[in-house]
Amino acid sequence: MVSKFRQVFRDSPLFHLYKSISARGEYASWKLRAVPGAGAPHLVKQRTIAEFARKFDLHVLVETGVNFAHMLYVNQNRFREIYSIELDGRRAESAQRKFANRPHIHVLQGDSGKVLPQLLPALKEPCLFWLDAHDYDISSPVKQELSAIYSHPVRGHVLLIDDARWFDGRSDYPTMEQLREKTAREYPGSLVEVKDDIIRIYLPRK
């Protein structure tokens, strides 16, 4: 019964209202605790996306891992086009229903390691990528995602990858050293930075 109620709540607009109200409390608690290596609260992730979109004048967001669609909700008016890829069919359908009246938001169901390479040819301008499709520290399509983005002919993409703490070589994750080597080799000239548990990959503005 509790699980069913939670599911209905997460599928409703009230969920996003609750998340928006609770975000500042979560942020204050995170700042107060200041636990080294801890994941960042959602508000930090939101602000990071907004910062890089503004700094690099990016109007298209590509997200992998829709989860409960709150990142879509907070960014729905920030970008001209938004693409989100979600492996879980129920979550993808829930997000599709929530944003059915927003034609610029496209929720695609499937493995982002396979769907993203199919989507990329349709993207003709630099985009902001929010890569968050991984299943905690168990599995991740990030290697396939990076290879697809790095081989895309459009230059100037900005990549933000959540949960940097899991990039330690276990499971499907590269180590940070391997990530830096791959980026230097396949996306030359770009910077790789880590702050607030978010990996940031971008070409410096001239």
C-alpha atoms as a PDB file:
ATOM      1  CA  MET A   1       0.000   0.000   0.000  1.00  0.00           C
ATOM      2  CA  VAL A   2       2.815   2.421   0.924  1.00  0.00           C
ATOM      3  CA  SER A   3       4.705   1.545  -2.252  1.00  0.00           C
ATOM      4  CA  LYS A   4       1.575   2.084  -4.383  1.00  0.00           C
ATOM      5  CA  PHE A   5       0.900   5.445  -2.733  1.00  0.00           C
ATOM      6  CA  ARG A   6       4.521   6.492  -3.283  1.00  0.00           C
ATOM      7  CA  GLN A   7       4.284   5.579  -6.952  1.00  0.00           C
ATOM      8  CA  VAL A   8       1.060   7.573  -7.436  1.00  0.00           C
ATOM      9  CA  PHE A   9       2.592  10.535  -5.599  1.00  0.00           C
ATOM     10  CA  ARG A  10       5.728  10.505  -7.743  1.00  0.00           C
ATOM     11  CA  ASP A  11       3.602  10.416 -10.876  1.00  0.00           C
ATOM     12  CA  SER A  12       1.635  13.495  -9.793  1.00  0.00           C
ATOM     13  CA  PRO A  13       2.466  17.229 -10.085  1.00  0.00           C
ATOM     14  CA  LEU A  14       2.489  17.385  -6.278  1.00  0.00           C
ATOM     15  CA  PHE A  15       5.759  15.467  -6.279  1.00  0.00           C
ATOM     16  CA  HIS A  16       7.563  18.296  -8.068  1.00  0.00           C
ATOM     17  CA  LEU A  17       6.047  20.895  -5.771  1.00  0.00           C
ATOM     18  CA  TYR A  18       7.285  18.891  -2.786  1.00  0.00           C
ATOM     19  CA  LYS A  19      10.760  18.464  -4.310  1.00  0.00           C
ATOM     20  CA  SER A  20      11.007  22.180  -5.078  1.00  0.00           C
ATOM     21  CA  ILE A  21      10.025  23.140  -1.524  1.00  0.00           C
ATOM     22  CA  SER A  22      12.308  20.588   0.139  1.00  0.00           C
ATOM     23  CA  ALA A  23      15.315  21.369  -2.091  1.00  0.00           C
ATOM     24  CA  ARG A  24      16.590  24.284   0.008  1.00  0.00           C
ATOM     25  CA  GLY A  25      16.371  22.253   3.204  1.00  0.00           C
ATOM     26  CA  GLU A  26      18.341  19.420   1.591  1.00  0.00           C
ATOM     27  CA  TYR A  27      20.927  21.924   0.385  1.00  0.00           C
ATOM     28  CA  ALA A  28      21.286  23.514   3.843  1.00  0.00           C
ATOM     29  CA  SER A  29      21.710  20.090   5.445  1.00  0.00           C
ATOM     30  CA  TRP A  30      24.347  19.124   2.860  1.00  0.00           C
ATOM     31  CA  LYS A  31      26.310  22.329   3.491  1.00  0.00           C
ATOM     32  CA  LEU A  32      26.089  21.865   7.237  1.00  0.00           C
ATOM     33  CA  ARG A  33      27.244  18.242   7.209  1.00  0.00           C
ATOM     34  CA  ALA A  34      30.006  18.834   4.628  1.00  0.00           C
ATOM     35  CA  VAL A  35      30.754  15.108   4.266  1.00  0.00           C
ATOM     36  CA  PRO A  36      33.785  14.577   1.979  1.00  0.00           C
ATOM     37  CA  GLY A  37      32.880  12.569  -1.121  1.00  0.00           C
ATOM     38  CA  ALA A  38      29.133  12.763  -0.521  1.00  0.00           C
ATOM     39  CA  GLY A  39      26.740  13.175  -3.398  1.00  0.00           C
ATOM     40  CA  ALA A  40      25.445  16.663  -4.095  1.00  0.00           C
ATOM     41  CA  PRO A  41      21.797  17.586  -3.431  1.00  0.00           C
ATOM     42  CA  HIS A  42      19.462  18.153  -6.358  1.00  0.00           C
ATOM     43  CA  LEU A  43      19.612  21.947  -6.028  1.00  0.00           C
ATOM     44  CA  VAL A  44      23.381  21.911  -6.680  1.00  0.00           C
ATOM     45  CA  LYS A  45      22.813  19.803  -9.780  1.00  0.00           C
ATOM     46  CA  GLN A  46      20.112  22.185 -10.989  1.00  0.00           C
ATOM     47  CA  ARG A  47      22.362  25.197 -10.466  1.00  0.00           C
ATOM     48  CA  THR A  48      25.270  23.506 -12.249  1.00  0.00           C
ATOM     49  CA  ILE A  49      23.137  22.821 -15.308  1.00  0.00           C
ATOM     50  CA  ALA A  50      21.860  26.415 -15.291  1.00  0.00           C
ATOM     51  CA  GLU A  51      25.394  27.796 -14.889  1.00  0.00           C
ATOM     52  CA  PHE A  52      26.856  25.891 -17.831  1.00  0.00           C
ATOM     53  CA  ALA A  53      23.826  26.487 -20.058  1.00  0.00           C
ATOM     54  CA  ARG A  54      24.176  30.217 -19.451  1.00  0.00           C
ATOM     55  CA  LYS A  55      27.977  30.334 -19.696  1.00  0.00           C
ATOM     56  CA  PHE A  56      28.124  28.444 -22.996  1.00  0.00           C
ATOM     57  CA  ASP A  57      24.818  29.729 -24.412  1.00  0.00           C
ATOM     58  CA  LEU A  58      23.374  26.238 -24.865  1.00  0.00           C
ATOM     59  CA  HIS A  59      19.722  25.785 -25.802  1.00  0.00           C
ATOM     60  CA  VAL A  60      19.424  21.998 -26.085  1.00  0.00           C
ATOM     61  CA  LEU A  61      19.591  19.665 -23.089  1.00  0.00           C
ATOM     62  CA  VAL A  62      20.178  15.926 -23.464  1.00  0.00           C
ATOM     63  CA  GLU A  63      19.591  13.951 -20.292  1.00  0.00           C
ATOM     64  CA  THR A  64      20.191  10.260 -19.690  1.00  0.00           C
ATOM     65  CA  GLY A  65      18.312   8.827 -16.733  1.00  0.00           C
ATOM     66  CA  VAL A  66      14.949  10.556 -16.236  1.00  0.00           C
ATOM     67  CA  ASN A  67      14.294   8.885 -12.847  1.00  0.00           C
ATOM     68  CA  PHE A  68      11.189  10.692 -11.500  1.00  0.00           C
ATOM     69  CA  ALA A  69      11.519  13.542 -14.035  1.00  0.00           C
ATOM     70  CA  HIS A  70      12.281  16.328 -11.569  1.00  0.00           C
ATOM     71  CA  MET A  71      15.284  17.515 -13.573  1.00  0.00           C
ATOM     72  CA  LEU A  72      12.991  17.765 -16.590  1.00  0.00           C
ATOM     73  CA  TYR A  73      10.486  19.690 -14.502  1.00  0.00           C
ATOM     74  CA  VAL A  74      12.927  22.342 -13.272  1.00  0.00           C
ATOM     75  CA  ASN A  75      14.481  22.793 -16.725  1.00  0.00           C
ATOM     76  CA  GLN A  76      11.354  22.682 -18.861  1.00  0.00           C
ATOM     77  CA  ASN A  77      11.436  26.434 -19.536  1.00  0.00           C
ATOM     78  CA  ARG A  78      15.207  26.841 -19.692  1.00  0.00           C
ATOM     79  CA  PHE A  79      15.909  25.043 -22.981  1.00  0.00           C
ATOM     80  CA  ARG A  80      14.453  25.225 -26.464  1.00  0.00           C
ATOM     81  CA  GLU A  81      14.610  21.439 -26.824  1.00  0.00           C
ATOM     82  CA  ILE A  82      15.053  18.702 -24.215  1.00  0.00           C
ATOM     83  CA  TYR A  83      15.713  15.023 -24.859  1.00  0.00           C
ATOM     84  CA  SER A  84      15.642  12.521 -22.013  1.00  0.00           C
ATOM     85  CA  ILE A  85      16.446   8.808 -22.259  1.00  0.00           C
ATOM     86  CA  GLU A  86      15.190   6.380 -19.628  1.00  0.00           C
ATOM     87  CA  LEU A  87      15.729   2.617 -19.453  1.00  0.00           C
ATOM     88  CA  ASP A  88      12.830   1.862 -17.107  1.00  0.00           C
ATOM     89  CA  GLY A  89       9.596   1.646 -19.091  1.00  0.00           C
ATOM     90  CA  ARG A  90       7.273   2.752 -16.274  1.00  0.00           C
ATOM     91  CA  ARG A  91       9.350   5.815 -15.457  1.00  0.00           C
ATOM     92  CA  ALA A  92       9.636   6.744 -19.124  1.00  0.00           C
ATOM     93  CA  GLU A  93       5.857   6.462 -19.562  1.00  0.00           C
ATOM     94  CA  SER A  94       5.256   8.548 -16.433  1.00  0.00           C
ATOM     95  CA  ALA A  95       7.528  11.315 -17.749  1.00  0.00           C
ATOM     96  CA  GLN A  96       5.881  11.168 -21.166  1.00  0.00           C
ATOM     97  CA  ARG A  97       2.479  11.697 -19.551  1.00  0.00           C
ATOM     98  CA  LYS A  98       3.716  14.559 -17.369  1.00  0.00           C
ATOM     99  CA  PHE A  99       5.106  16.497 -20.323  1.00  0.00           C
ATOM    100  CA  ALA A 100       2.653  15.444 -23.018  1.00  0.00           C
ATOM    101  CA  ASN A 101       1.632  19.088 -23.466  1.00  0.00           C
ATOM    102  CA  ARG A 102       5.235  20.302 -23.836  1.00  0.00           C
ATOM    103  CA  PRO A 103       6.193  19.447 -27.452  1.00  0.00           C
ATOM    104  CA  HIS A 104       9.805  20.528 -26.961  1.00  0.00           C
ATOM    105  CA  ILE A 105      10.357  17.766 -24.358  1.00  0.00           C
ATOM    106  CA  HIS A 106      11.091  14.350 -25.853  1.00  0.00           C
ATOM    107  CA  VAL A 107      11.250  11.335 -23.520  1.00  0.00           C
ATOM    108  CA  LEU A 108      12.771   8.264 -25.180  1.00  0.00           C
ATOM    109  CA  GLN A 109      12.611   4.811 -23.632  1.00  0.00           C
ATOM    110  CA  GLY A 110      15.579   2.474 -23.861  1.00  0.00           C
ATOM    111  CA  ASP A 111      19.222   1.892 -22.986  1.00  0.00           C
ATOM    112  CA  SER A 112      20.973   5.265 -23.357  1.00  0.00           C
ATOM    113  CA  GLY A 113      24.145   3.487 -24.438  1.00  0.00           C
ATOM    114  CA  LYS A 114      22.213   2.424 -27.547  1.00  0.00           C
ATOM    115  CA  VAL A 115      19.588   5.182 -27.903  1.00  0.00           C
ATOM    116  CA  LEU A 116      21.978   8.131 -27.581  1.00  0.00           C
ATOM    117  CA  PRO A 117      24.065   7.175 -30.664  1.00  0.00           C
ATOM    118  CA  GLN A 118      20.791   6.984 -32.620  1.00  0.00           C
ATOM    119  CA  LEU A 119      19.696  10.419 -31.382  1.00  0.00           C
ATOM    120  CA  LEU A 120      22.956  12.273 -31.982  1.00  0.00           C
ATOM    121  CA  PRO A 121      22.695  12.606 -35.812  1.00  0.00           C
ATOM    122  CA  ALA A 122      19.575  14.756 -35.286  1.00  0.00           C
ATOM    123  CA  LEU A 123      21.501  17.235 -33.112  1.00  0.00           C
ATOM    124  CA  LYS A 124      23.045  19.988 -35.220  1.00  0.00           C
ATOM    125  CA  GLU A 125      24.316  22.380 -32.531  1.00  0.00           C
ATOM    126  CA  PRO A 126      26.340  22.233 -29.301  1.00  0.00           C
ATOM    127  CA  CYS A 127      24.279  20.678 -26.515  1.00  0.00           C
ATOM    128  CA  LEU A 128      24.433  20.334 -22.764  1.00  0.00           C
ATOM    129  CA  PHE A 129      24.564  16.676 -21.745  1.00  0.00           C
ATOM    130  CA  TRP A 130      23.459  15.654 -18.259  1.00  0.00           C
ATOM    131  CA  LEU A 131      24.615  12.030 -17.945  1.00  0.00           C
ATOM    132  CA  ASP A 132      22.860  10.385 -15.021  1.00  0.00           C
ATOM    133  CA  ALA A 133      21.683   7.016 -16.346  1.00  0.00           C
ATOM    134  CA  HIS A 134      23.833   4.852 -14.108  1.00  0.00           C
ATOM    135  CA  ASP A 135      22.373   2.404 -11.599  1.00  0.00           C
ATOM    136  CA  TYR A 136      24.154   3.684  -8.511  1.00  0.00           C
ATOM    137  CA  ASP A 137      27.640   2.082  -8.436  1.00  0.00           C
ATOM    138  CA  ILE A 138      26.380  -1.191  -9.936  1.00  0.00           C
ATOM    139  CA  SER A 139      26.254  -0.480 -13.660  1.00  0.00           C
ATOM    140  CA  SER A 140      26.526   2.410 -16.093  1.00  0.00           C
ATOM    141  CA  PRO A 141      26.301   3.068 -19.848  1.00  0.00           C
ATOM    142  CA  VAL A 142      28.671   6.030 -19.501  1.00  0.00           C
ATOM    143  CA  LYS A 143      31.465   4.501 -21.603  1.00  0.00           C
ATOM    144  CA  GLN A 144      29.127   4.049 -24.559  1.00  0.00           C
ATOM    145  CA  GLU A 145      27.605   7.496 -24.000  1.00  0.00           C
ATOM    146  CA  LEU A 146      31.002   9.193 -24.010  1.00  0.00           C
ATOM    147  CA  SER A 147      32.195   7.351 -27.113  1.00  0.00           C
ATOM    148  CA  ALA A 148      29.063   8.420 -28.983  1.00  0.00           C
ATOM    149  CA  ILE A 149      29.330  12.076 -27.941  1.00  0.00           C
ATOM    150  CA  TYR A 150      33.057  12.296 -28.641  1.00  0.00           C
ATOM    151  CA  SER A 151      32.558  10.932 -32.167  1.00  0.00           C
ATOM    152  CA  HIS A 152      29.775  13.410 -32.948  1.00  0.00           C
ATOM    153  CA  PRO A 153      30.919  15.919 -35.605  1.00  0.00           C
ATOM    154  CA  VAL A 154      29.492  18.941 -33.753  1.00  0.00           C
ATOM    155  CA  ARG A 155      32.061  20.524 -31.456  1.00  0.00           C
ATOM    156  CA  GLY A 156      31.353  22.531 -28.334  1.00  0.00           C
ATOM    157  CA  HIS A 157      29.224  20.073 -26.398  1.00  0.00           C
ATOM    158  CA  VAL A 158      29.346  20.396 -22.615  1.00  0.00           C
ATOM    159  CA  LEU A 159      29.144  17.204 -20.572  1.00  0.00           C
ATOM    160  CA  LEU A 160      28.063  17.080 -16.935  1.00  0.00           C
ATOM    161  CA  ILE A 161      28.247  13.625 -15.351  1.00  0.00           C
ATOM    162  CA  ASP A 162      26.669  12.992 -11.977  1.00  0.00           C
ATOM    163  CA  ASP A 163      28.141  10.874  -9.152  1.00  0.00           C
ATOM    164  CA  ALA A 164      31.849  11.318  -9.789  1.00  0.00           C
ATOM    165  CA  ARG A 165      32.574   9.273  -6.644  1.00  0.00           C
ATOM    166  CA  TRP A 166      31.679   6.074  -8.483  1.00  0.00           C
ATOM    167  CA  PHE A 167      34.322   6.519 -11.187  1.00  0.00           C
ATOM    168  CA  ASP A 168      36.805   4.134  -9.587  1.00  0.00           C
ATOM    169  CA  GLY A 169      37.134   1.365 -12.174  1.00  0.00           C
ATOM    170  CA  ARG A 170      34.614  -0.995 -10.638  1.00  0.00           C
ATOM    171  CA  SER A 171      31.724  -2.495 -12.586  1.00  0.00           C
ATOM    172  CA  ASP A 172      31.086  -0.490 -15.793  1.00  0.00           C
ATOM    173  CA  TYR A 173      32.818   2.670 -14.587  1.00  0.00           C
ATOM    174  CA  PRO A 174      36.215   3.896 -15.783  1.00  0.00           C
ATOM    175  CA  THR A 175      38.607   5.412 -13.282  1.00  0.00           C
ATOM    176  CA  MET A 176      38.978   9.167 -13.367  1.00  0.00           C
ATOM    177  CA  GLU A 177      42.439   8.689 -14.874  1.00  0.00           C
ATOM    178  CA  GLN A 178      40.985   6.529 -17.655  1.00  0.00           C
ATOM    179  CA  LEU A 179      38.251   9.099 -18.227  1.00  0.00           C
ATOM    180  CA  ARG A 180      40.804  11.889 -18.525  1.00  0.00           C
ATOM    181  CA  GLU A 181      42.919   9.836 -20.938  1.00  0.00           C
ATOM    182  CA  LYS A 182      39.922   8.986 -23.117  1.00  0.00           C
ATOM    183  CA  THR A 183      38.794  12.605 -23.176  1.00  0.00           C
ATOM    184  CA  ALA A 184      42.261  13.889 -24.071  1.00  0.00           C
ATOM    185  CA  ARG A 185      42.477  11.345 -26.874  1.00  0.00           C
ATOM    186  CA  GLU A 186      38.944  11.581 -28.302  1.00  0.00           C
ATOM    187  CA  TYR A 187      37.868  15.115 -27.360  1.00  0.00           C
ATOM    188  CA  PRO A 188      41.178  17.013 -27.548  1.00  0.00           C
ATOM    189  CA  GLY A 189      41.447  20.465 -26.042  1.00  0.00           C
ATOM    190  CA  SER A 190      38.700  19.918 -23.490  1.00  0.00           C
ATOM    191  CA  LEU A 191      38.990  20.305 -19.746  1.00  0.00           C
ATOM    192  CA  VAL A 192      37.927  17.673 -17.213  1.00  0.00           C
ATOM    193  CA  GLU A 193      37.009  19.043 -13.797  1.00  0.00           C
ATOM    194  CA  VAL A 194      35.294  17.591 -10.745  1.00  0.00           C
ATOM    195  CA  LYS A 195      33.316  19.687  -8.293  1.00  0.00           C
ATOM    196  CA  ASP A 196      30.415  18.824  -5.993  1.00  0.00           C
ATOM    197  CA  ASP A 197      30.539  15.194  -7.182  1.00  0.00           C
ATOM    198  CA  ILE A 198      29.830  16.313 -10.757  1.00  0.00           C
ATOM    199  CA  ILE A 199      32.305  15.749 -13.601  1.00  0.00           C
ATOM    200  CA  ARG A 200      32.430  18.687 -16.018  1.00  0.00           C
ATOM    201  CA  ILE A 201      33.893  18.245 -19.505  1.00  0.00           C
ATOM    202  CA  TYR A 202      34.019  21.215 -21.849  1.00  0.00           C
ATOM    203  CA  LEU A 203      36.108  23.121 -24.378  1.00  0.00           C
ATOM    204  CA  PRO A 204      37.321  26.447 -22.927  1.00  0.00           C
ATOM    205  CA  ARG A 205      35.719  29.468 -24.474  1.00  0.00           C
ATOM    206  CA  LYS A 206      38.100  31.595 -26.525  1.00  0.00           C
END
